[in-house]
Amino acid sequence: MEFEIDADEAEIIRIISNLPEFSWLSTADLGKIRREIKGTVSRILREYYLENTCNIEGNWTEKFAEFGITEHDGKTMIACARRLGIEIS
């Protein structure tokens, strides 16, 4: 069992915790972080990816921008999620 946060997990948390609903992740325990990344965060990243690649209507691109999460940050989170084995596309 791993007891340390992975660099990709840390990067996702650093970025996504800019959103008010995820601000608690910066102080959460590792188990909660991993569950949230594999669940809610991965779903959001899929929706964000589809908004930006398939022109599917959504609100994550706008919400990310509202809270200072740039397009580069979005791409970084997607890359990190993929390295963690999460299917985004």
PDB file of N, CA and C in Angstrom:
ATOM      1  N   MET A   1       0.835  -1.182   0.000  1.00  0.00           N
ATOM      2  CA  MET A   1       0.000   0.000   0.000  1.00  0.00           C
ATOM      3  C   MET A   1       0.882   1.248   0.000  1.00  0.00           C
ATOM      4  N   GLU A   2       0.530   2.217  -0.870  1.00  0.00           N
ATOM      5  CA  GLU A   2       1.305   3.446  -0.951  1.00  0.00           C
ATOM      6  C   GLU A   2       0.818   4.453   0.075  1.00  0.00           C
ATOM      7  N   PHE A   3       1.763   5.131   0.708  1.00  0.00           N
ATOM      8  CA  PHE A   3       1.415   6.109   1.724  1.00  0.00           C
ATOM      9  C   PHE A   3       1.836   7.523   1.337  1.00  0.00           C
ATOM     10  N   GLU A   4       2.421   7.678   0.161  1.00  0.00           N
ATOM     11  CA  GLU A   4       2.855   8.989  -0.291  1.00  0.00           C
ATOM     12  C   GLU A   4       2.081   9.367  -1.537  1.00  0.00           C
ATOM     13  N   ILE A   5       1.829  10.646  -1.671  1.00  0.00           N
ATOM     14  CA  ILE A   5       1.110  11.132  -2.834  1.00  0.00           C
ATOM     15  C   ILE A   5       2.042  11.125  -4.043  1.00  0.00           C
ATOM     16  N   ASP A   6       1.517  10.691  -5.155  1.00  0.00           N
ATOM     17  CA  ASP A   6       2.235  10.656  -6.423  1.00  0.00           C
ATOM     18  C   ASP A   6       2.351  12.096  -6.950  1.00  0.00           C
ATOM     19  N   ALA A   7       3.400  12.391  -7.694  1.00  0.00           N
ATOM     20  CA  ALA A   7       3.595  13.736  -8.247  1.00  0.00           C
ATOM     21  C   ALA A   7       2.421  14.149  -9.144  1.00  0.00           C
ATOM     22  N   ASP A   8       1.876  13.209  -9.915  1.00  0.00           N
ATOM     23  CA  ASP A   8       0.734  13.533 -10.779  1.00  0.00           C
ATOM     24  C   ASP A   8      -0.517  13.823  -9.956  1.00  0.00           C
ATOM     25  N   GLU A   9      -0.724  13.080  -8.891  1.00  0.00           N
ATOM     26  CA  GLU A   9      -1.851  13.354  -7.995  1.00  0.00           C
ATOM     27  C   GLU A   9      -1.700  14.742  -7.371  1.00  0.00           C
ATOM     28  N   ALA A  10      -0.496  15.044  -6.930  1.00  0.00           N
ATOM     29  CA  ALA A  10      -0.234  16.349  -6.304  1.00  0.00           C
ATOM     30  C   ALA A  10      -0.491  17.486  -7.282  1.00  0.00           C
ATOM     31  N   GLU A  11      -0.104  17.308  -8.519  1.00  0.00           N
ATOM     32  CA  GLU A  11      -0.309  18.362  -9.523  1.00  0.00           C
ATOM     33  C   GLU A  11      -1.793  18.569  -9.805  1.00  0.00           C
ATOM     34  N   ILE A  12      -2.545  17.491  -9.923  1.00  0.00           N
ATOM     35  CA  ILE A  12      -3.991  17.615 -10.128  1.00  0.00           C
ATOM     36  C   ILE A  12      -4.609  18.364  -8.958  1.00  0.00           C
ATOM     37  N   ILE A  13      -4.251  18.002  -7.744  1.00  0.00           N
ATOM     38  CA  ILE A  13      -4.807  18.644  -6.552  1.00  0.00           C
ATOM     39  C   ILE A  13      -4.407  20.116  -6.489  1.00  0.00           C
ATOM     40  N   ARG A  14      -3.175  20.414  -6.822  1.00  0.00           N
ATOM     41  CA  ARG A  14      -2.712  21.808  -6.804  1.00  0.00           C
ATOM     42  C   ARG A  14      -3.585  22.674  -7.703  1.00  0.00           C
ATOM     43  N   ILE A  15      -3.953  22.143  -8.863  1.00  0.00           N
ATOM     44  CA  ILE A  15      -4.729  22.922  -9.825  1.00  0.00           C
ATOM     45  C   ILE A  15      -6.219  22.909  -9.476  1.00  0.00           C
ATOM     46  N   ILE A  16      -6.790  21.722  -9.299  1.00  0.00           N
ATOM     47  CA  ILE A  16      -8.247  21.610  -9.126  1.00  0.00           C
ATOM     48  C   ILE A  16      -8.713  22.241  -7.818  1.00  0.00           C
ATOM     49  N   SER A  17      -7.831  22.343  -6.832  1.00  0.00           N
ATOM     50  CA  SER A  17      -8.247  22.927  -5.556  1.00  0.00           C
ATOM     51  C   SER A  17      -8.481  24.441  -5.649  1.00  0.00           C
ATOM     52  N   ASN A  18      -8.225  25.033  -6.811  1.00  0.00           N
ATOM     53  CA  ASN A  18      -8.611  26.430  -7.041  1.00  0.00           C
ATOM     54  C   ASN A  18     -10.126  26.574  -7.104  1.00  0.00           C
ATOM     55  N   LEU A  19     -10.822  25.487  -7.463  1.00  0.00           N
ATOM     56  CA  LEU A  19     -12.287  25.510  -7.476  1.00  0.00           C
ATOM     57  C   LEU A  19     -12.779  25.366  -6.033  1.00  0.00           C
ATOM     58  N   PRO A  20     -13.736  26.187  -5.626  1.00  0.00           N
ATOM     59  CA  PRO A  20     -14.197  26.146  -4.231  1.00  0.00           C
ATOM     60  C   PRO A  20     -14.640  24.757  -3.772  1.00  0.00           C
ATOM     61  N   GLU A  21     -15.300  23.989  -4.636  1.00  0.00           N
ATOM     62  CA  GLU A  21     -15.799  22.677  -4.228  1.00  0.00           C
ATOM     63  C   GLU A  21     -14.693  21.644  -4.031  1.00  0.00           C
ATOM     64  N   PHE A  22     -13.470  21.979  -4.446  1.00  0.00           N
ATOM     65  CA  PHE A  22     -12.347  21.059  -4.262  1.00  0.00           C
ATOM     66  C   PHE A  22     -11.254  21.634  -3.367  1.00  0.00           C
ATOM     67  N   SER A  23     -11.481  22.776  -2.756  1.00  0.00           N
ATOM     68  CA  SER A  23     -10.449  23.397  -1.919  1.00  0.00           C
ATOM     69  C   SER A  23     -10.056  22.497  -0.748  1.00  0.00           C
ATOM     70  N   TRP A  24     -10.965  21.666  -0.283  1.00  0.00           N
ATOM     71  CA  TRP A  24     -10.698  20.760   0.839  1.00  0.00           C
ATOM     72  C   TRP A  24      -9.656  19.692   0.500  1.00  0.00           C
ATOM     73  N   LEU A  25      -9.444  19.421  -0.801  1.00  0.00           N
ATOM     74  CA  LEU A  25      -8.509  18.365  -1.187  1.00  0.00           C
ATOM     75  C   LEU A  25      -7.068  18.655  -0.778  1.00  0.00           C
ATOM     76  N   SER A  26      -6.720  19.916  -0.672  1.00  0.00           N
ATOM     77  CA  SER A  26      -5.327  20.241  -0.340  1.00  0.00           C
ATOM     78  C   SER A  26      -4.935  19.777   1.062  1.00  0.00           C
ATOM     79  N   THR A  27      -5.922  19.479   1.903  1.00  0.00           N
ATOM     80  CA  THR A  27      -5.622  18.992   3.254  1.00  0.00           C
ATOM     81  C   THR A  27      -6.213  17.607   3.530  1.00  0.00           C
ATOM     82  N   ALA A  28      -6.738  16.965   2.506  1.00  0.00           N
ATOM     83  CA  ALA A  28      -7.376  15.651   2.676  1.00  0.00           C
ATOM     84  C   ALA A  28      -6.334  14.546   2.809  1.00  0.00           C
ATOM     85  N   ASP A  29      -6.771  13.426   3.362  1.00  0.00           N
ATOM     86  CA  ASP A  29      -5.864  12.286   3.447  1.00  0.00           C
ATOM     87  C   ASP A  29      -5.770  11.615   2.081  1.00  0.00           C
ATOM     88  N   LEU A  30      -4.726  10.837   1.914  1.00  0.00           N
ATOM     89  CA  LEU A  30      -4.391  10.247   0.621  1.00  0.00           C
ATOM     90  C   LEU A  30      -5.524   9.395   0.042  1.00  0.00           C
ATOM     91  N   GLY A  31      -6.190   8.630   0.865  1.00  0.00           N
ATOM     92  CA  GLY A  31      -7.285   7.789   0.388  1.00  0.00           C
ATOM     93  C   GLY A  31      -8.412   8.616  -0.215  1.00  0.00           C
ATOM     94  N   LYS A  32      -8.773   9.701   0.452  1.00  0.00           N
ATOM     95  CA  LYS A  32      -9.836  10.577  -0.060  1.00  0.00           C
ATOM     96  C   LYS A  32      -9.401  11.258  -1.343  1.00  0.00           C
ATOM     97  N   ILE A  33      -8.147  11.670  -1.410  1.00  0.00           N
ATOM     98  CA  ILE A  33      -7.619  12.304  -2.622  1.00  0.00           C
ATOM     99  C   ILE A  33      -7.734  11.344  -3.794  1.00  0.00           C
ATOM    100  N   ARG A  34      -7.278  10.123  -3.601  1.00  0.00           N
ATOM    101  CA  ARG A  34      -7.302   9.150  -4.696  1.00  0.00           C
ATOM    102  C   ARG A  34      -8.723   8.816  -5.131  1.00  0.00           C
ATOM    103  N   ARG A  35      -9.635   8.668  -4.190  1.00  0.00           N
ATOM    104  CA  ARG A  35     -11.038   8.398  -4.543  1.00  0.00           C
ATOM    105  C   ARG A  35     -11.629   9.561  -5.334  1.00  0.00           C
ATOM    106  N   GLU A  36     -11.329  10.765  -4.910  1.00  0.00           N
ATOM    107  CA  GLU A  36     -11.879  11.945  -5.580  1.00  0.00           C
ATOM    108  C   GLU A  36     -11.305  12.087  -6.995  1.00  0.00           C
ATOM    109  N   ILE A  37     -10.016  11.834  -7.153  1.00  0.00           N
ATOM    110  CA  ILE A  37      -9.403  11.916  -8.482  1.00  0.00           C
ATOM    111  C   ILE A  37     -10.007  10.858  -9.402  1.00  0.00           C
ATOM    112  N   LYS A  38     -10.130   9.629  -8.928  1.00  0.00           N
ATOM    113  CA  LYS A  38     -10.659   8.550  -9.769  1.00  0.00           C
ATOM    114  C   LYS A  38     -12.150   8.686 -10.021  1.00  0.00           C
ATOM    115  N   GLY A  39     -12.844   9.424  -9.183  1.00  0.00           N
ATOM    116  CA  GLY A  39     -14.285   9.594  -9.326  1.00  0.00           C
ATOM    117  C   GLY A  39     -14.640  10.929  -9.944  1.00  0.00           C
ATOM    118  N   THR A  40     -14.904  11.886  -9.120  1.00  0.00           N
ATOM    119  CA  THR A  40     -15.416  13.180  -9.560  1.00  0.00           C
ATOM    120  C   THR A  40     -14.454  13.938 -10.467  1.00  0.00           C
ATOM    121  N   VAL A  41     -13.198  14.026 -10.091  1.00  0.00           N
ATOM    122  CA  VAL A  41     -12.244  14.800 -10.881  1.00  0.00           C
ATOM    123  C   VAL A  41     -12.064  14.192 -12.268  1.00  0.00           C
ATOM    124  N   SER A  42     -11.979  12.873 -12.366  1.00  0.00           N
ATOM    125  CA  SER A  42     -11.810  12.255 -13.689  1.00  0.00           C
ATOM    126  C   SER A  42     -13.041  12.503 -14.570  1.00  0.00           C
ATOM    127  N   ARG A  43     -14.236  12.499 -13.983  1.00  0.00           N
ATOM    128  CA  ARG A  43     -15.450  12.802 -14.749  1.00  0.00           C
ATOM    129  C   ARG A  43     -15.414  14.240 -15.264  1.00  0.00           C
ATOM    130  N   ILE A  44     -15.012  15.162 -14.406  1.00  0.00           N
ATOM    131  CA  ILE A  44     -14.913  16.564 -14.809  1.00  0.00           C
ATOM    132  C   ILE A  44     -13.885  16.737 -15.917  1.00  0.00           C
ATOM    133  N   LEU A  45     -12.745  16.077 -15.805  1.00  0.00           N
ATOM    134  CA  LEU A  45     -11.715  16.191 -16.837  1.00  0.00           C
ATOM    135  C   LEU A  45     -12.182  15.612 -18.163  1.00  0.00           C
ATOM    136  N   ARG A  46     -12.968  14.527 -18.137  1.00  0.00           N
ATOM    137  CA  ARG A  46     -13.545  13.989 -19.375  1.00  0.00           C
ATOM    138  C   ARG A  46     -14.477  15.016 -20.025  1.00  0.00           C
ATOM    139  N   GLU A  47     -15.338  15.613 -19.213  1.00  0.00           N
ATOM    140  CA  GLU A  47     -16.267  16.614 -19.730  1.00  0.00           C
ATOM    141  C   GLU A  47     -15.510  17.820 -20.285  1.00  0.00           C
ATOM    142  N   TYR A  48     -14.493  18.265 -19.574  1.00  0.00           N
ATOM    143  CA  TYR A  48     -13.657  19.383 -20.023  1.00  0.00           C
ATOM    144  C   TYR A  48     -12.990  19.031 -21.359  1.00  0.00           C
ATOM    145  N   TYR A  49     -12.443  17.840 -21.448  1.00  0.00           N
ATOM    146  CA  TYR A  49     -11.791  17.382 -22.675  1.00  0.00           C
ATOM    147  C   TYR A  49     -12.778  17.403 -23.845  1.00  0.00           C
ATOM    148  N   LEU A  50     -13.979  16.883 -23.638  1.00  0.00           N
ATOM    149  CA  LEU A  50     -14.987  16.860 -24.701  1.00  0.00           C
ATOM    150  C   LEU A  50     -15.423  18.263 -25.102  1.00  0.00           C
ATOM    151  N   GLU A  51     -15.533  19.154 -24.150  1.00  0.00           N
ATOM    152  CA  GLU A  51     -15.874  20.551 -24.451  1.00  0.00           C
ATOM    153  C   GLU A  51     -14.842  21.155 -25.395  1.00  0.00           C
ATOM    154  N   ASN A  52     -13.584  20.822 -25.167  1.00  0.00           N
ATOM    155  CA  ASN A  52     -12.495  21.452 -25.904  1.00  0.00           C
ATOM    156  C   ASN A  52     -12.054  20.709 -27.155  1.00  0.00           C
ATOM    157  N   THR A  53     -12.468  19.478 -27.334  1.00  0.00           N
ATOM    158  CA  THR A  53     -12.050  18.727 -28.525  1.00  0.00           C
ATOM    159  C   THR A  53     -13.206  18.389 -29.454  1.00  0.00           C
ATOM    160  N   CYS A  54     -14.396  18.243 -28.903  1.00  0.00           N
ATOM    161  CA  CYS A  54     -15.556  17.841 -29.712  1.00  0.00           C
ATOM    162  C   CYS A  54     -16.642  18.914 -29.744  1.00  0.00           C
ATOM    163  N   ASN A  55     -16.332  20.073 -29.181  1.00  0.00           N
ATOM    164  CA  ASN A  55     -17.294  21.181 -29.124  1.00  0.00           C
ATOM    165  C   ASN A  55     -18.618  20.781 -28.494  1.00  0.00           C
ATOM    166  N   ILE A  56     -18.561  19.901 -27.520  1.00  0.00           N
ATOM    167  CA  ILE A  56     -19.755  19.511 -26.780  1.00  0.00           C
ATOM    168  C   ILE A  56     -20.031  20.598 -25.748  1.00  0.00           C
ATOM    169  N   GLU A  57     -21.281  21.013 -25.671  1.00  0.00           N
ATOM    170  CA  GLU A  57     -21.634  22.087 -24.759  1.00  0.00           C
ATOM    171  C   GLU A  57     -21.431  21.646 -23.308  1.00  0.00           C
ATOM    172  N   GLY A  58     -20.824  22.523 -22.544  1.00  0.00           N
ATOM    173  CA  GLY A  58     -20.589  22.262 -21.139  1.00  0.00           C
ATOM    174  C   GLY A  58     -20.211  23.541 -20.439  1.00  0.00           C
ATOM    175  N   ASN A  59     -19.849  23.428 -19.181  1.00  0.00           N
ATOM    176  CA  ASN A  59     -19.516  24.642 -18.438  1.00  0.00           C
ATOM    177  C   ASN A  59     -18.158  24.596 -17.742  1.00  0.00           C
ATOM    178  N   TRP A  60     -17.411  23.512 -17.897  1.00  0.00           N
ATOM    179  CA  TRP A  60     -16.153  23.405 -17.156  1.00  0.00           C
ATOM    180  C   TRP A  60     -15.088  24.357 -17.667  1.00  0.00           C
ATOM    181  N   THR A  61     -15.000  24.571 -18.959  1.00  0.00           N
ATOM    182  CA  THR A  61     -14.003  25.495 -19.499  1.00  0.00           C
ATOM    183  C   THR A  61     -14.226  26.888 -18.921  1.00  0.00           C
ATOM    184  N   GLU A  62     -15.467  27.313 -18.906  1.00  0.00           N
ATOM    185  CA  GLU A  62     -15.812  28.621 -18.359  1.00  0.00           C
ATOM    186  C   GLU A  62     -15.548  28.685 -16.849  1.00  0.00           C
ATOM    187  N   LYS A  63     -15.937  27.637 -16.145  1.00  0.00           N
ATOM    188  CA  LYS A  63     -15.744  27.619 -14.693  1.00  0.00           C
ATOM    189  C   LYS A  63     -14.263  27.599 -14.340  1.00  0.00           C
ATOM    190  N   PHE A  64     -13.478  26.800 -15.069  1.00  0.00           N
ATOM    191  CA  PHE A  64     -12.040  26.785 -14.821  1.00  0.00           C
ATOM    192  C   PHE A  64     -11.477  28.192 -14.979  1.00  0.00           C
ATOM    193  N   ALA A  65     -11.820  28.856 -16.075  1.00  0.00           N
ATOM    194  CA  ALA A  65     -11.301  30.201 -16.335  1.00  0.00           C
ATOM    195  C   ALA A  65     -11.717  31.171 -15.231  1.00  0.00           C
ATOM    196  N   GLU A  66     -12.938  31.038 -14.764  1.00  0.00           N
ATOM    197  CA  GLU A  66     -13.451  31.912 -13.703  1.00  0.00           C
ATOM    198  C   GLU A  66     -12.598  31.834 -12.445  1.00  0.00           C
ATOM    199  N   PHE A  67     -12.034  30.677 -12.171  1.00  0.00           N
ATOM    200  CA  PHE A  67     -11.247  30.485 -10.955  1.00  0.00           C
ATOM    201  C   PHE A  67      -9.745  30.399 -11.230  1.00  0.00           C
ATOM    202  N   GLY A  68      -9.318  30.919 -12.386  1.00  0.00           N
ATOM    203  CA  GLY A  68      -7.895  31.039 -12.680  1.00  0.00           C
ATOM    204  C   GLY A  68      -7.213  29.778 -13.168  1.00  0.00           C
ATOM    205  N   ILE A  69      -7.987  28.788 -13.583  1.00  0.00           N
ATOM    206  CA  ILE A  69      -7.406  27.564 -14.143  1.00  0.00           C
ATOM    207  C   ILE A  69      -7.326  27.756 -15.656  1.00  0.00           C
ATOM    208  N   THR A  70      -6.112  27.825 -16.173  1.00  0.00           N
ATOM    209  CA  THR A  70      -5.891  28.114 -17.587  1.00  0.00           C
ATOM    210  C   THR A  70      -6.053  26.866 -18.458  1.00  0.00           C
ATOM    211  N   GLU A  71      -6.047  27.084 -19.759  1.00  0.00           N
ATOM    212  CA  GLU A  71      -6.092  25.960 -20.692  1.00  0.00           C
ATOM    213  C   GLU A  71      -4.876  25.054 -20.487  1.00  0.00           C
ATOM    214  N   HIS A  72      -3.727  25.669 -20.239  1.00  0.00           N
ATOM    215  CA  HIS A  72      -2.510  24.891 -19.959  1.00  0.00           C
ATOM    216  C   HIS A  72      -2.691  24.028 -18.707  1.00  0.00           C
ATOM    217  N   ASP A  73      -3.303  24.601 -17.670  1.00  0.00           N
ATOM    218  CA  ASP A  73      -3.575  23.837 -16.450  1.00  0.00           C
ATOM    219  C   ASP A  73      -4.489  22.654 -16.743  1.00  0.00           C
ATOM    220  N   GLY A  74      -5.511  22.886 -17.563  1.00  0.00           N
ATOM    221  CA  GLY A  74      -6.433  21.807 -17.930  1.00  0.00           C
ATOM    222  C   GLY A  74      -5.708  20.679 -18.642  1.00  0.00           C
ATOM    223  N   LYS A  75      -4.848  21.042 -19.588  1.00  0.00           N
ATOM    224  CA  LYS A  75      -4.072  20.039 -20.315  1.00  0.00           C
ATOM    225  C   LYS A  75      -3.126  19.294 -19.372  1.00  0.00           C
ATOM    226  N   THR A  76      -2.554  20.016 -18.421  1.00  0.00           N
ATOM    227  CA  THR A  76      -1.662  19.392 -17.446  1.00  0.00           C
ATOM    228  C   THR A  76      -2.414  18.370 -16.610  1.00  0.00           C
ATOM    229  N   MET A  77      -3.604  18.741 -16.133  1.00  0.00           N
ATOM    230  CA  MET A  77      -4.387  17.793 -15.330  1.00  0.00           C
ATOM    231  C   MET A  77      -4.750  16.561 -16.143  1.00  0.00           C
ATOM    232  N   ILE A  78      -5.123  16.748 -17.406  1.00  0.00           N
ATOM    233  CA  ILE A  78      -5.460  15.601 -18.261  1.00  0.00           C
ATOM    234  C   ILE A  78      -4.251  14.699 -18.437  1.00  0.00           C
ATOM    235  N   ALA A  79      -3.089  15.279 -18.698  1.00  0.00           N
ATOM    236  CA  ALA A  79      -1.865  14.481 -18.857  1.00  0.00           C
ATOM    237  C   ALA A  79      -1.541  13.717 -17.577  1.00  0.00           C
ATOM    238  N   CYS A  80      -1.676  14.377 -16.435  1.00  0.00           N
ATOM    239  CA  CYS A  80      -1.417  13.713 -15.151  1.00  0.00           C
ATOM    240  C   CYS A  80      -2.392  12.558 -14.940  1.00  0.00           C
ATOM    241  N   ALA A  81      -3.663  12.805 -15.221  1.00  0.00           N
ATOM    242  CA  ALA A  81      -4.674  11.759 -15.052  1.00  0.00           C
ATOM    243  C   ALA A  81      -4.354  10.561 -15.943  1.00  0.00           C
ATOM    244  N   ARG A  82      -3.962  10.825 -17.166  1.00  0.00           N
ATOM    245  CA  ARG A  82      -3.609   9.718 -18.078  1.00  0.00           C
ATOM    246  C   ARG A  82      -2.427   8.927 -17.546  1.00  0.00           C
ATOM    247  N   ARG A  83      -1.429   9.605 -17.000  1.00  0.00           N
ATOM    248  CA  ARG A  83      -0.274   8.886 -16.434  1.00  0.00           C
ATOM    249  C   ARG A  83      -0.676   8.057 -15.225  1.00  0.00           C
ATOM    250  N   LEU A  84      -1.762   8.447 -14.571  1.00  0.00           N
ATOM    251  CA  LEU A  84      -2.280   7.674 -13.438  1.00  0.00           C
ATOM    252  C   LEU A  84      -3.155   6.517 -13.898  1.00  0.00           C
ATOM    253  N   GLY A  85      -3.332   6.376 -15.216  1.00  0.00           N
ATOM    254  CA  GLY A  85      -4.127   5.273 -15.765  1.00  0.00           C
ATOM    255  C   GLY A  85      -5.597   5.580 -15.927  1.00  0.00           C
ATOM    256  N   ILE A  86      -5.955   6.852 -15.856  1.00  0.00           N
ATOM    257  CA  ILE A  86      -7.359   7.244 -15.995  1.00  0.00           C
ATOM    258  C   ILE A  86      -7.623   7.579 -17.465  1.00  0.00           C
ATOM    259  N   GLU A  87      -8.634   6.946 -18.027  1.00  0.00           N
ATOM    260  CA  GLU A  87      -9.014   7.184 -19.423  1.00  0.00           C
ATOM    261  C   GLU A  87      -9.828   8.466 -19.487  1.00  0.00           C
ATOM    262  N   ILE A  88      -9.374   9.416 -20.269  1.00  0.00           N
ATOM    263  CA  ILE A  88     -10.035  10.709 -20.383  1.00  0.00           C
ATOM    264  C   ILE A  88     -10.841  10.807 -21.668  1.00  0.00           C
ATOM    265  N   SER A  89     -10.288  10.381 -22.769  1.00  0.00           N
ATOM    266  CA  SER A  89     -10.986  10.532 -24.061  1.00  0.00           C
ATOM    267  C   SER A  89     -11.922   9.390 -24.360  1.00  0.00           C
TER     268      SER A  89
END
